[in-house]
Amino acid sequence: MRALILATALLAAIQPALAFDNPKMLDAFFSVVMVRGYNASGGLAYGSGVVVGENKVITNCHVLRATKQPWVSRGEETYLIASLKADAWHDLCLVSTTYMPFKPAIIGKSTDLKRGQEIAAIGHSNGAPAPLTSNGKVEALYDSDQGKIIRSSANFSLGASGSGLFDMEGRLVGINTFKTAGRGGSIHYALPIEWLAQLEKQPETTAFPISGKALWEEDEDKKPFYMQVAVPEARGDWPKLAQVAEKWTQVEPKSTEAWYEFGLGLENTGKAELAEKAYKQAASLDNTNFDALVRLGALAKTRGDSTEVQRIHAALMDINKDIATEYNEMIECSAAC
């Protein structure tokens, strides 16, 4: 009963405007567990996981790097991990235990997500004994191995690696894995749940701890461009962002995200005209790229083009009325507010 009261309180903290399906979100909450184990120095290593089948928990492989005898827990209940299937490069491990009574999460699709869609990260951030819920929105989606890497504004902290990213119907769409920090705020990424299907085909092993480099740990110049732009964006290094994003547009000229990031770098280095061209290209490749449209509106406001400001407002209304309202507030707000 105590756990149910706690879950209800946490879910109630999510903005009412999200209109989530409460019973399904409660099921999502109760599908999240802790993955723990003692490291070589006797300290406790921990992360999160999500129940995805009978006695099956998906988590990040990097959670299992420091312990030889990991276990799954919820409160005072513990379940030893007997074996696992590992995909170290994709940083996903599927662990098996016994006699675990928890209901698995409903599996969704990252490919069904839309930019701006409401989502919720549920995990044991900072080692909290009960999962913490952080709501946010999908900021960007990147095609990757038959799924979509999800960039979101749903925060997660140390201890929430391997936790679940859920849509508002309580469907598991991603596994929260890595983030980039900077003075502009952290950028959070989740791996697509579609990768679970390939993970299930991996051979079973009982060897702990897990080793092997993950894709997000690759050398900087070898990472996908969406990762390469994250560090300069988070740090506000706009010349570097423009430089990397320009290369991205050359390699992937049809990527709306590449053109948006290029525009962002250009705008913040005082190159408004070139930024506008980049944003327009981003919007032409994806007319739902409201980030590009908002920046175009801001540039139009700066040069006093009220017709363009209104045109963009109308376009945003067709995409998302809440975003259109936020756009209006931003445009009408003076530099002092």
C-alpha atoms as a PDB file:
ATOM      1  CA  MET A   1       0.000   0.000   0.000  1.00  0.00           C
ATOM      2  CA  ARG A   2       2.848   2.375   0.854  1.00  0.00           C
ATOM      3  CA  ALA A   3       4.406   1.815  -2.582  1.00  0.00           C
ATOM      4  CA  LEU A   4       1.068   2.492  -4.256  1.00  0.00           C
ATOM      5  CA  ILE A   5       0.642   5.780  -2.358  1.00  0.00           C
ATOM      6  CA  LEU A   6       4.185   6.815  -3.295  1.00  0.00           C
ATOM      7  CA  ALA A   7       3.635   5.965  -6.964  1.00  0.00           C
ATOM      8  CA  THR A   8       0.395   7.906  -7.056  1.00  0.00           C
ATOM      9  CA  ALA A   9       2.066  10.934  -5.486  1.00  0.00           C
ATOM     10  CA  LEU A  10       4.906  10.868  -7.975  1.00  0.00           C
ATOM     11  CA  LEU A  11       2.588  10.535 -10.938  1.00  0.00           C
ATOM     12  CA  ALA A  12       0.417  13.339  -9.609  1.00  0.00           C
ATOM     13  CA  ALA A  13       3.460  15.605  -9.859  1.00  0.00           C
ATOM     14  CA  ILE A  14       3.356  15.291 -13.635  1.00  0.00           C
ATOM     15  CA  GLN A  15       1.563  18.274 -15.177  1.00  0.00           C
ATOM     16  CA  PRO A  16      -2.203  17.657 -15.495  1.00  0.00           C
ATOM     17  CA  ALA A  17      -2.056  18.940 -19.077  1.00  0.00           C
ATOM     18  CA  LEU A  18      -0.283  15.747 -20.094  1.00  0.00           C
ATOM     19  CA  ALA A  19      -3.560  13.847 -19.722  1.00  0.00           C
ATOM     20  CA  PHE A  20      -1.827  10.499 -19.144  1.00  0.00           C
ATOM     21  CA  ASP A  21      -3.649   7.249 -18.636  1.00  0.00           C
ATOM     22  CA  ASN A  22      -3.160   6.869 -14.873  1.00  0.00           C
ATOM     23  CA  PRO A  23      -3.539   3.060 -14.523  1.00  0.00           C
ATOM     24  CA  LYS A  24      -1.129   2.444 -17.403  1.00  0.00           C
ATOM     25  CA  MET A  25       1.399   4.913 -15.997  1.00  0.00           C
ATOM     26  CA  LEU A  26       1.153   3.146 -12.644  1.00  0.00           C
ATOM     27  CA  ASP A  27       1.953  -0.134 -14.411  1.00  0.00           C
ATOM     28  CA  ALA A  28       4.929   1.585 -16.041  1.00  0.00           C
ATOM     29  CA  PHE A  29       6.100   2.828 -12.631  1.00  0.00           C
ATOM     30  CA  PHE A  30       5.951  -0.662 -11.129  1.00  0.00           C
ATOM     31  CA  SER A  31       7.886  -2.198 -14.038  1.00  0.00           C
ATOM     32  CA  VAL A  32      11.018  -0.245 -13.011  1.00  0.00           C
ATOM     33  CA  VAL A  33      13.538  -1.914 -10.683  1.00  0.00           C
ATOM     34  CA  MET A  34      17.048  -1.374  -9.323  1.00  0.00           C
ATOM     35  CA  VAL A  35      20.080  -3.334 -10.544  1.00  0.00           C
ATOM     36  CA  ARG A  36      22.807  -3.483  -7.906  1.00  0.00           C
ATOM     37  CA  GLY A  37      26.006  -5.221  -6.887  1.00  0.00           C
ATOM     38  CA  TYR A  38      29.181  -4.737  -4.868  1.00  0.00           C
ATOM     39  CA  ASN A  39      32.291  -3.524  -6.671  1.00  0.00           C
ATOM     40  CA  ALA A  40      35.897  -4.641  -6.037  1.00  0.00           C
ATOM     41  CA  SER A  41      36.397  -2.096  -3.258  1.00  0.00           C
ATOM     42  CA  GLY A  42      33.246  -3.170  -1.433  1.00  0.00           C
ATOM     43  CA  GLY A  43      31.182  -0.176  -2.527  1.00  0.00           C
ATOM     44  CA  LEU A  44      27.693  -0.535  -3.936  1.00  0.00           C
ATOM     45  CA  ALA A  45      27.295  -0.097  -7.687  1.00  0.00           C
ATOM     46  CA  TYR A  46      23.767   0.566  -8.853  1.00  0.00           C
ATOM     47  CA  GLY A  47      21.575   1.463 -11.786  1.00  0.00           C
ATOM     48  CA  SER A  48      18.026   0.900 -12.981  1.00  0.00           C
ATOM     49  CA  GLY A  49      16.233  -1.602 -15.166  1.00  0.00           C
ATOM     50  CA  VAL A  50      12.813  -2.350 -16.617  1.00  0.00           C
ATOM     51  CA  VAL A  51      10.956  -5.657 -16.422  1.00  0.00           C
ATOM     52  CA  VAL A  52      10.232  -6.728 -20.017  1.00  0.00           C
ATOM     53  CA  GLY A  53       9.219 -10.356 -19.546  1.00  0.00           C
ATOM     54  CA  GLU A  54       8.869 -13.129 -17.004  1.00  0.00           C
ATOM     55  CA  ASN A  55      12.038 -12.912 -14.887  1.00  0.00           C
ATOM     56  CA  LYS A  56      13.603 -10.653 -17.544  1.00  0.00           C
ATOM     57  CA  VAL A  57      15.006  -7.152 -16.960  1.00  0.00           C
ATOM     58  CA  ILE A  58      16.592  -4.863 -19.534  1.00  0.00           C
ATOM     59  CA  THR A  59      19.291  -2.460 -18.367  1.00  0.00           C
ATOM     60  CA  ASN A  60      22.459  -0.783 -19.629  1.00  0.00           C
ATOM     61  CA  CYS A  61      25.518  -3.018 -19.841  1.00  0.00           C
ATOM     62  CA  HIS A  62      27.635  -0.267 -18.296  1.00  0.00           C
ATOM     63  CA  VAL A  63      25.608  -0.726 -15.094  1.00  0.00           C
ATOM     64  CA  LEU A  64      27.116  -4.239 -14.845  1.00  0.00           C
ATOM     65  CA  ARG A  65      30.782  -3.344 -15.412  1.00  0.00           C
ATOM     66  CA  ALA A  66      31.815  -3.066 -11.769  1.00  0.00           C
ATOM     67  CA  THR A  67      30.215  -6.081 -10.104  1.00  0.00           C
ATOM     68  CA  LYS A  68      30.699  -9.842 -10.259  1.00  0.00           C
ATOM     69  CA  GLN A  69      27.450 -10.716  -8.442  1.00  0.00           C
ATOM     70  CA  PRO A  70      24.656  -8.347  -9.491  1.00  0.00           C
ATOM     71  CA  TRP A  71      21.074  -8.581  -8.373  1.00  0.00           C
ATOM     72  CA  VAL A  72      17.685  -7.016  -9.064  1.00  0.00           C
ATOM     73  CA  SER A  73      15.854  -5.339  -6.205  1.00  0.00           C
ATOM     74  CA  ARG A  74      12.723  -3.464  -5.267  1.00  0.00           C
ATOM     75  CA  GLY A  75      12.638  -2.156  -1.731  1.00  0.00           C
ATOM     76  CA  GLU A  76      13.875  -4.948   0.503  1.00  0.00           C
ATOM     77  CA  GLU A  77      13.132  -7.669  -2.074  1.00  0.00           C
ATOM     78  CA  THR A  78      16.169  -8.999  -3.967  1.00  0.00           C
ATOM     79  CA  TYR A  79      16.549 -11.425  -6.876  1.00  0.00           C
ATOM     80  CA  LEU A  80      19.933 -12.781  -7.905  1.00  0.00           C
ATOM     81  CA  ILE A  81      20.838 -12.494 -11.571  1.00  0.00           C
ATOM     82  CA  ALA A  82      21.547 -15.963 -12.922  1.00  0.00           C
ATOM     83  CA  SER A  83      22.553 -15.099 -16.510  1.00  0.00           C
ATOM     84  CA  LEU A  84      22.309 -12.425 -19.149  1.00  0.00           C
ATOM     85  CA  LYS A  85      22.432 -11.605 -22.838  1.00  0.00           C
ATOM     86  CA  ALA A  86      24.694  -8.705 -23.708  1.00  0.00           C
ATOM     87  CA  ASP A  87      25.127  -6.259 -26.584  1.00  0.00           C
ATOM     88  CA  ALA A  88      27.944  -4.095 -25.210  1.00  0.00           C
ATOM     89  CA  TRP A  89      28.176  -1.820 -28.276  1.00  0.00           C
ATOM     90  CA  HIS A  90      24.489  -0.895 -28.046  1.00  0.00           C
ATOM     91  CA  ASP A  91      24.897  -0.808 -24.230  1.00  0.00           C
ATOM     92  CA  LEU A  92      21.930  -3.078 -23.563  1.00  0.00           C
ATOM     93  CA  CYS A  93      21.866  -6.176 -21.386  1.00  0.00           C
ATOM     94  CA  LEU A  94      18.937  -8.515 -20.744  1.00  0.00           C
ATOM     95  CA  VAL A  95      19.316 -10.168 -17.340  1.00  0.00           C
ATOM     96  CA  SER A  96      17.508 -13.265 -16.116  1.00  0.00           C
ATOM     97  CA  THR A  97      16.509 -14.041 -12.556  1.00  0.00           C
ATOM     98  CA  THR A  98      14.021 -16.374 -10.862  1.00  0.00           C
ATOM     99  CA  TYR A  99      10.784 -16.071  -8.888  1.00  0.00           C
ATOM    100  CA  MET A 100      10.447 -12.372  -9.671  1.00  0.00           C
ATOM    101  CA  PRO A 101       6.712 -11.540  -9.483  1.00  0.00           C
ATOM    102  CA  PHE A 102       6.760  -8.168 -11.262  1.00  0.00           C
ATOM    103  CA  LYS A 103       4.565  -7.402 -14.232  1.00  0.00           C
ATOM    104  CA  PRO A 104       6.464  -6.519 -17.426  1.00  0.00           C
ATOM    105  CA  ALA A 105       6.140  -3.146 -19.103  1.00  0.00           C
ATOM    106  CA  ILE A 106       4.041  -2.732 -22.225  1.00  0.00           C
ATOM    107  CA  ILE A 107       6.442  -2.448 -25.165  1.00  0.00           C
ATOM    108  CA  GLY A 108       5.955   0.529 -27.490  1.00  0.00           C
ATOM    109  CA  LYS A 109       7.893   1.847 -30.487  1.00  0.00           C
ATOM    110  CA  SER A 110      10.406   4.662 -30.686  1.00  0.00           C
ATOM    111  CA  THR A 111       9.497   4.927 -34.374  1.00  0.00           C
ATOM    112  CA  ASP A 112       5.966   6.028 -33.416  1.00  0.00           C
ATOM    113  CA  LEU A 113       7.215   9.058 -31.459  1.00  0.00           C
ATOM    114  CA  LYS A 114       6.889  12.614 -32.710  1.00  0.00           C
ATOM    115  CA  ARG A 115       8.924  15.709 -31.930  1.00  0.00           C
ATOM    116  CA  GLY A 116       7.341  17.577 -29.009  1.00  0.00           C
ATOM    117  CA  GLN A 117       5.450  14.509 -27.758  1.00  0.00           C
ATOM    118  CA  GLU A 118       5.103  14.201 -23.985  1.00  0.00           C
ATOM    119  CA  ILE A 119       7.113  11.415 -22.376  1.00  0.00           C
ATOM    120  CA  ALA A 120       8.190  10.381 -18.873  1.00  0.00           C
ATOM    121  CA  ALA A 121      11.477   9.000 -17.564  1.00  0.00           C
ATOM    122  CA  ILE A 122      11.048   6.664 -14.594  1.00  0.00           C
ATOM    123  CA  GLY A 123      14.132   5.456 -12.753  1.00  0.00           C
ATOM    124  CA  HIS A 124      16.206   5.410  -9.579  1.00  0.00           C
ATOM    125  CA  SER A 125      17.976   8.742 -10.061  1.00  0.00           C
ATOM    126  CA  ASN A 126      20.641   9.344  -7.397  1.00  0.00           C
ATOM    127  CA  GLY A 127      19.941   5.884  -5.999  1.00  0.00           C
ATOM    128  CA  ALA A 128      16.497   6.795  -4.671  1.00  0.00           C
ATOM    129  CA  PRO A 129      14.884   3.677  -3.131  1.00  0.00           C
ATOM    130  CA  ALA A 130      11.647   4.300  -5.050  1.00  0.00           C
ATOM    131  CA  PRO A 131      11.670   5.285  -8.723  1.00  0.00           C
ATOM    132  CA  LEU A 132      11.469   8.982  -9.519  1.00  0.00           C
ATOM    133  CA  THR A 133       9.374  10.307 -12.390  1.00  0.00           C
ATOM    134  CA  SER A 134      10.523  13.143 -14.645  1.00  0.00           C
ATOM    135  CA  ASN A 135       8.247  14.375 -17.401  1.00  0.00           C
ATOM    136  CA  GLY A 136       9.493  16.028 -20.564  1.00  0.00           C
ATOM    137  CA  LYS A 137       9.167  16.114 -24.329  1.00  0.00           C
ATOM    138  CA  VAL A 138      10.799  14.461 -27.302  1.00  0.00           C
ATOM    139  CA  GLU A 139      13.337  17.000 -28.561  1.00  0.00           C
ATOM    140  CA  ALA A 140      14.729  15.054 -31.526  1.00  0.00           C
ATOM    141  CA  LEU A 141      14.786  11.576 -33.049  1.00  0.00           C
ATOM    142  CA  TYR A 142      17.732   9.973 -34.859  1.00  0.00           C
ATOM    143  CA  ASP A 143      17.452   6.908 -37.098  1.00  0.00           C
ATOM    144  CA  SER A 144      19.662   4.101 -35.802  1.00  0.00           C
ATOM    145  CA  ASP A 145      19.547   0.353 -36.512  1.00  0.00           C
ATOM    146  CA  GLN A 146      15.786   0.080 -37.171  1.00  0.00           C
ATOM    147  CA  GLY A 147      14.906   2.292 -34.232  1.00  0.00           C
ATOM    148  CA  LYS A 148      15.263   5.921 -33.221  1.00  0.00           C
ATOM    149  CA  ILE A 149      17.662   7.284 -30.627  1.00  0.00           C
ATOM    150  CA  ILE A 150      15.541   9.649 -28.525  1.00  0.00           C
ATOM    151  CA  ARG A 151      16.753  13.037 -27.321  1.00  0.00           C
ATOM    152  CA  SER A 152      14.411  14.224 -24.603  1.00  0.00           C
ATOM    153  CA  SER A 153      13.984  16.870 -21.921  1.00  0.00           C
ATOM    154  CA  ALA A 154      12.999  14.218 -19.351  1.00  0.00           C
ATOM    155  CA  ASN A 155      15.824  14.414 -16.817  1.00  0.00           C
ATOM    156  CA  PHE A 156      17.615  11.447 -15.315  1.00  0.00           C
ATOM    157  CA  SER A 157      20.652  11.342 -13.040  1.00  0.00           C
ATOM    158  CA  LEU A 158      23.280   8.905 -11.777  1.00  0.00           C
ATOM    159  CA  GLY A 159      21.511   5.691 -10.830  1.00  0.00           C
ATOM    160  CA  ALA A 160      18.906   5.980 -13.582  1.00  0.00           C
ATOM    161  CA  SER A 161      21.063   4.430 -16.305  1.00  0.00           C
ATOM    162  CA  GLY A 162      18.977   1.573 -17.697  1.00  0.00           C
ATOM    163  CA  SER A 163      15.698   3.159 -16.612  1.00  0.00           C
ATOM    164  CA  GLY A 164      12.593   3.451 -18.761  1.00  0.00           C
ATOM    165  CA  LEU A 165      11.378   6.203 -21.054  1.00  0.00           C
ATOM    166  CA  PHE A 166       7.612   5.865 -21.466  1.00  0.00           C
ATOM    167  CA  ASP A 167       4.957   7.520 -23.590  1.00  0.00           C
ATOM    168  CA  MET A 168       1.804   8.798 -21.898  1.00  0.00           C
ATOM    169  CA  GLU A 169       0.053   5.487 -22.507  1.00  0.00           C
ATOM    170  CA  GLY A 170       2.640   3.792 -20.296  1.00  0.00           C
ATOM    171  CA  ARG A 171       4.413   2.106 -23.208  1.00  0.00           C
ATOM    172  CA  LEU A 172       8.163   1.583 -22.945  1.00  0.00           C
ATOM    173  CA  VAL A 173       9.759   3.382 -25.904  1.00  0.00           C
ATOM    174  CA  GLY A 174      13.379   3.737 -24.807  1.00  0.00           C
ATOM    175  CA  ILE A 175      16.067   3.014 -22.232  1.00  0.00           C
ATOM    176  CA  ASN A 176      17.654   6.101 -20.649  1.00  0.00           C
ATOM    177  CA  THR A 177      21.395   5.698 -21.160  1.00  0.00           C
ATOM    178  CA  PHE A 178      23.670   8.724 -21.537  1.00  0.00           C
ATOM    179  CA  LYS A 179      23.699  12.491 -21.347  1.00  0.00           C
ATOM    180  CA  THR A 180      25.885  15.468 -22.154  1.00  0.00           C
ATOM    181  CA  ALA A 181      26.265  18.177 -19.530  1.00  0.00           C
ATOM    182  CA  GLY A 182      27.038  21.861 -20.046  1.00  0.00           C
ATOM    183  CA  ARG A 183      26.166  25.367 -18.921  1.00  0.00           C
ATOM    184  CA  GLY A 184      23.213  25.318 -21.304  1.00  0.00           C
ATOM    185  CA  GLY A 185      21.769  22.297 -19.467  1.00  0.00           C
ATOM    186  CA  SER A 186      22.092  18.539 -19.863  1.00  0.00           C
ATOM    187  CA  ILE A 187      21.052  16.780 -23.063  1.00  0.00           C
ATOM    188  CA  HIS A 188      19.490  13.367 -22.365  1.00  0.00           C
ATOM    189  CA  TYR A 189      19.403  10.363 -24.683  1.00  0.00           C
ATOM    190  CA  ALA A 190      17.499   7.074 -24.633  1.00  0.00           C
ATOM    191  CA  LEU A 191      18.151   3.982 -26.743  1.00  0.00           C
ATOM    192  CA  PRO A 192      15.252   2.628 -28.830  1.00  0.00           C
ATOM    193  CA  ILE A 193      13.308  -0.257 -27.348  1.00  0.00           C
ATOM    194  CA  GLU A 194      13.333  -1.882 -30.796  1.00  0.00           C
ATOM    195  CA  TRP A 195      16.886  -3.015 -30.005  1.00  0.00           C
ATOM    196  CA  LEU A 196      15.431  -5.453 -27.481  1.00  0.00           C
ATOM    197  CA  ALA A 197      14.485  -7.803 -30.344  1.00  0.00           C
ATOM    198  CA  GLN A 198      18.127  -8.208 -31.425  1.00  0.00           C
ATOM    199  CA  LEU A 199      19.306  -8.369 -27.828  1.00  0.00           C
ATOM    200  CA  GLU A 200      17.095 -11.402 -27.224  1.00  0.00           C
ATOM    201  CA  LYS A 201      18.982 -13.236 -30.000  1.00  0.00           C
ATOM    202  CA  GLN A 202      22.367 -12.838 -28.287  1.00  0.00           C
ATOM    203  CA  PRO A 203      23.995 -15.878 -26.614  1.00  0.00           C
ATOM    204  CA  GLU A 204      23.433 -16.339 -22.915  1.00  0.00           C
ATOM    205  CA  THR A 205      26.365 -15.917 -20.521  1.00  0.00           C
ATOM    206  CA  THR A 206      27.063 -16.079 -16.803  1.00  0.00           C
ATOM    207  CA  ALA A 207      30.321 -14.093 -17.000  1.00  0.00           C
ATOM    208  CA  PHE A 208      30.436 -10.969 -14.847  1.00  0.00           C
ATOM    209  CA  PRO A 209      31.402  -8.162 -14.873  1.00  0.00           C
ATOM    210  CA  ILE A 210      30.508  -7.003 -18.388  1.00  0.00           C
ATOM    211  CA  SER A 211      33.144  -5.383 -20.576  1.00  0.00           C
ATOM    212  CA  GLY A 212      33.180  -3.637 -23.940  1.00  0.00           C
ATOM    213  CA  LYS A 213      32.907  -0.079 -25.246  1.00  0.00           C
ATOM    214  CA  ALA A 214      29.466   1.407 -25.906  1.00  0.00           C
ATOM    215  CA  LEU A 215      28.590   3.473 -28.981  1.00  0.00           C
ATOM    216  CA  TRP A 216      28.350   6.668 -26.933  1.00  0.00           C
ATOM    217  CA  GLU A 217      31.923   6.092 -25.660  1.00  0.00           C
ATOM    218  CA  GLU A 218      33.437   6.089 -29.142  1.00  0.00           C
ATOM    219  CA  ASP A 219      36.182   8.596 -29.987  1.00  0.00           C
ATOM    220  CA  GLU A 220      34.592  11.998 -30.520  1.00  0.00           C
ATOM    221  CA  ASP A 221      35.384  12.224 -34.230  1.00  0.00           C
ATOM    222  CA  LYS A 222      33.972   8.740 -34.828  1.00  0.00           C
ATOM    223  CA  LYS A 223      30.642   9.289 -33.096  1.00  0.00           C
ATOM    224  CA  PRO A 224      27.445   9.917 -35.068  1.00  0.00           C
ATOM    225  CA  PHE A 225      27.009  13.617 -35.806  1.00  0.00           C
ATOM    226  CA  TYR A 226      24.050  13.949 -33.448  1.00  0.00           C
ATOM    227  CA  MET A 227      26.458  13.053 -30.626  1.00  0.00           C
ATOM    228  CA  GLN A 228      29.261  15.254 -31.955  1.00  0.00           C
ATOM    229  CA  VAL A 229      27.058  18.363 -31.840  1.00  0.00           C
ATOM    230  CA  ALA A 230      25.817  17.649 -28.309  1.00  0.00           C
ATOM    231  CA  VAL A 231      28.950  18.759 -26.431  1.00  0.00           C
ATOM    232  CA  PRO A 232      29.397  22.152 -28.142  1.00  0.00           C
ATOM    233  CA  GLU A 233      25.651  22.825 -27.941  1.00  0.00           C
ATOM    234  CA  ALA A 234      25.518  22.013 -24.220  1.00  0.00           C
ATOM    235  CA  ARG A 235      28.614  24.124 -23.557  1.00  0.00           C
ATOM    236  CA  GLY A 236      27.520  27.015 -25.735  1.00  0.00           C
ATOM    237  CA  ASP A 237      30.549  26.627 -28.003  1.00  0.00           C
ATOM    238  CA  TRP A 238      28.734  28.054 -31.021  1.00  0.00           C
ATOM    239  CA  PRO A 239      31.662  28.253 -33.488  1.00  0.00           C
ATOM    240  CA  LYS A 240      32.399  24.570 -32.841  1.00  0.00           C
ATOM    241  CA  LEU A 241      28.720  23.696 -33.196  1.00  0.00           C
ATOM    242  CA  ALA A 242      28.529  25.487 -36.546  1.00  0.00           C
ATOM    243  CA  GLN A 243      31.696  23.732 -37.729  1.00  0.00           C
ATOM    244  CA  VAL A 244      30.532  20.218 -36.803  1.00  0.00           C
ATOM    245  CA  ALA A 245      26.957  20.781 -37.980  1.00  0.00           C
ATOM    246  CA  GLU A 246      28.146  22.066 -41.353  1.00  0.00           C
ATOM    247  CA  LYS A 247      30.006  18.765 -41.874  1.00  0.00           C
ATOM    248  CA  TRP A 248      26.818  16.969 -40.846  1.00  0.00           C
ATOM    249  CA  THR A 249      24.809  18.792 -43.532  1.00  0.00           C
ATOM    250  CA  GLN A 250      27.387  17.770 -46.121  1.00  0.00           C
ATOM    251  CA  VAL A 251      27.302  14.096 -45.136  1.00  0.00           C
ATOM    252  CA  GLU A 252      23.518  13.981 -44.549  1.00  0.00           C
ATOM    253  CA  PRO A 253      22.028  16.818 -46.641  1.00  0.00           C
ATOM    254  CA  LYS A 254      18.492  15.562 -46.035  1.00  0.00           C
ATOM    255  CA  SER A 255      18.748  15.596 -42.240  1.00  0.00           C
ATOM    256  CA  THR A 256      16.470  18.240 -40.743  1.00  0.00           C
ATOM    257  CA  GLU A 257      18.357  17.951 -37.443  1.00  0.00           C
ATOM    258  CA  ALA A 258      21.684  18.703 -39.164  1.00  0.00           C
ATOM    259  CA  TRP A 259      20.362  21.908 -40.735  1.00  0.00           C
ATOM    260  CA  TYR A 260      18.728  23.028 -37.497  1.00  0.00           C
ATOM    261  CA  GLU A 261      21.955  22.571 -35.525  1.00  0.00           C
ATOM    262  CA  PHE A 262      23.877  24.395 -38.272  1.00  0.00           C
ATOM    263  CA  GLY A 263      21.423  27.276 -38.012  1.00  0.00           C
ATOM    264  CA  LEU A 264      21.731  27.338 -34.231  1.00  0.00           C
ATOM    265  CA  GLY A 265      25.500  27.611 -34.460  1.00  0.00           C
ATOM    266  CA  LEU A 266      25.327  30.327 -37.122  1.00  0.00           C
ATOM    267  CA  GLU A 267      22.691  32.372 -35.300  1.00  0.00           C
ATOM    268  CA  ASN A 268      24.703  32.420 -32.092  1.00  0.00           C
ATOM    269  CA  THR A 269      27.843  33.534 -33.912  1.00  0.00           C
ATOM    270  CA  GLY A 270      26.052  36.566 -35.353  1.00  0.00           C
ATOM    271  CA  LYS A 271      25.385  35.174 -38.829  1.00  0.00           C
ATOM    272  CA  ALA A 272      21.630  35.725 -38.920  1.00  0.00           C
ATOM    273  CA  GLU A 273      21.149  35.595 -42.698  1.00  0.00           C
ATOM    274  CA  LEU A 274      22.999  32.298 -43.051  1.00  0.00           C
ATOM    275  CA  ALA A 275      21.188  30.938 -39.986  1.00  0.00           C
ATOM    276  CA  GLU A 276      17.840  31.788 -41.557  1.00  0.00           C
ATOM    277  CA  LYS A 277      18.764  29.835 -44.695  1.00  0.00           C
ATOM    278  CA  ALA A 278      19.743  26.837 -42.584  1.00  0.00           C
ATOM    279  CA  TYR A 279      16.529  26.969 -40.559  1.00  0.00           C
ATOM    280  CA  LYS A 280      14.465  27.229 -43.737  1.00  0.00           C
ATOM    281  CA  GLN A 281      16.208  24.146 -45.107  1.00  0.00           C
ATOM    282  CA  ALA A 282      15.470  22.290 -41.853  1.00  0.00           C
ATOM    283  CA  ALA A 283      11.788  23.273 -42.053  1.00  0.00           C
ATOM    284  CA  SER A 284      11.540  22.325 -45.727  1.00  0.00           C
ATOM    285  CA  LEU A 285      12.870  18.845 -44.953  1.00  0.00           C
ATOM    286  CA  ASP A 286      10.428  18.433 -42.063  1.00  0.00           C
ATOM    287  CA  ASN A 287       7.522  20.858 -41.796  1.00  0.00           C
ATOM    288  CA  THR A 288       6.927  19.688 -38.209  1.00  0.00           C
ATOM    289  CA  ASN A 289      10.387  20.865 -37.099  1.00  0.00           C
ATOM    290  CA  PHE A 290       8.945  23.507 -34.798  1.00  0.00           C
ATOM    291  CA  ASP A 291      12.371  24.321 -33.328  1.00  0.00           C
ATOM    292  CA  ALA A 292      13.458  25.624 -36.729  1.00  0.00           C
ATOM    293  CA  LEU A 293      10.171  27.477 -37.175  1.00  0.00           C
ATOM    294  CA  VAL A 294      10.451  29.144 -33.775  1.00  0.00           C
ATOM    295  CA  ARG A 295      13.953  30.381 -34.569  1.00  0.00           C
ATOM    296  CA  LEU A 296      12.752  31.676 -37.947  1.00  0.00           C
ATOM    297  CA  GLY A 297      10.019  33.572 -36.122  1.00  0.00           C
ATOM    298  CA  ALA A 298      12.518  35.068 -33.693  1.00  0.00           C
ATOM    299  CA  LEU A 299      14.723  36.237 -36.561  1.00  0.00           C
ATOM    300  CA  ALA A 300      11.683  37.689 -38.351  1.00  0.00           C
ATOM    301  CA  LYS A 301      10.739  39.559 -35.171  1.00  0.00           C
ATOM    302  CA  THR A 302      14.251  41.016 -34.941  1.00  0.00           C
ATOM    303  CA  ARG A 303      14.055  42.473 -38.442  1.00  0.00           C
ATOM    304  CA  GLY A 304      10.449  43.686 -37.940  1.00  0.00           C
ATOM    305  CA  ASP A 305       8.762  41.278 -40.359  1.00  0.00           C
ATOM    306  CA  SER A 306       5.340  40.935 -38.681  1.00  0.00           C
ATOM    307  CA  THR A 307       3.867  39.072 -41.660  1.00  0.00           C
ATOM    308  CA  GLU A 308       6.433  36.295 -41.304  1.00  0.00           C
ATOM    309  CA  VAL A 309       5.946  36.215 -37.533  1.00  0.00           C
ATOM    310  CA  GLN A 310       2.212  35.584 -38.017  1.00  0.00           C
ATOM    311  CA  ARG A 311       2.775  33.040 -40.786  1.00  0.00           C
ATOM    312  CA  ILE A 312       4.979  30.994 -38.506  1.00  0.00           C
ATOM    313  CA  HIS A 313       2.441  31.252 -35.695  1.00  0.00           C
ATOM    314  CA  ALA A 314      -0.184  29.775 -38.007  1.00  0.00           C
ATOM    315  CA  ALA A 315       2.188  26.956 -38.996  1.00  0.00           C
ATOM    316  CA  LEU A 316       2.889  26.186 -35.345  1.00  0.00           C
ATOM    317  CA  MET A 317      -0.841  26.124 -34.581  1.00  0.00           C
ATOM    318  CA  ASP A 318      -1.180  23.306 -37.110  1.00  0.00           C
ATOM    319  CA  ILE A 319       1.591  21.365 -35.361  1.00  0.00           C
ATOM    320  CA  ASN A 320       0.979  21.985 -31.656  1.00  0.00           C
ATOM    321  CA  LYS A 321      -1.196  24.657 -30.052  1.00  0.00           C
ATOM    322  CA  ASP A 322       0.830  24.661 -26.817  1.00  0.00           C
ATOM    323  CA  ILE A 323       4.032  25.327 -28.738  1.00  0.00           C
ATOM    324  CA  ALA A 324       2.285  28.083 -30.687  1.00  0.00           C
ATOM    325  CA  THR A 325       1.295  29.689 -27.379  1.00  0.00           C
ATOM    326  CA  GLU A 326       4.856  29.471 -26.068  1.00  0.00           C
ATOM    327  CA  TYR A 327       6.078  30.973 -29.344  1.00  0.00           C
ATOM    328  CA  ASN A 328       3.703  33.910 -28.959  1.00  0.00           C
ATOM    329  CA  GLU A 329       4.887  34.519 -25.413  1.00  0.00           C
ATOM    330  CA  MET A 330       8.514  34.420 -26.534  1.00  0.00           C
ATOM    331  CA  ILE A 331       7.953  36.780 -29.474  1.00  0.00           C
ATOM    332  CA  GLU A 332       6.001  39.283 -27.383  1.00  0.00           C
ATOM    333  CA  CYS A 333       8.487  39.174 -24.521  1.00  0.00           C
ATOM    334  CA  SER A 334      11.030  41.987 -24.541  1.00  0.00           C
ATOM    335  CA  ALA A 335      14.704  41.428 -23.887  1.00  0.00           C
ATOM    336  CA  ALA A 336      14.161  42.582 -20.319  1.00  0.00           C
ATOM    337  CA  CYS A 337      11.510  40.059 -19.333  1.00  0.00           C
END
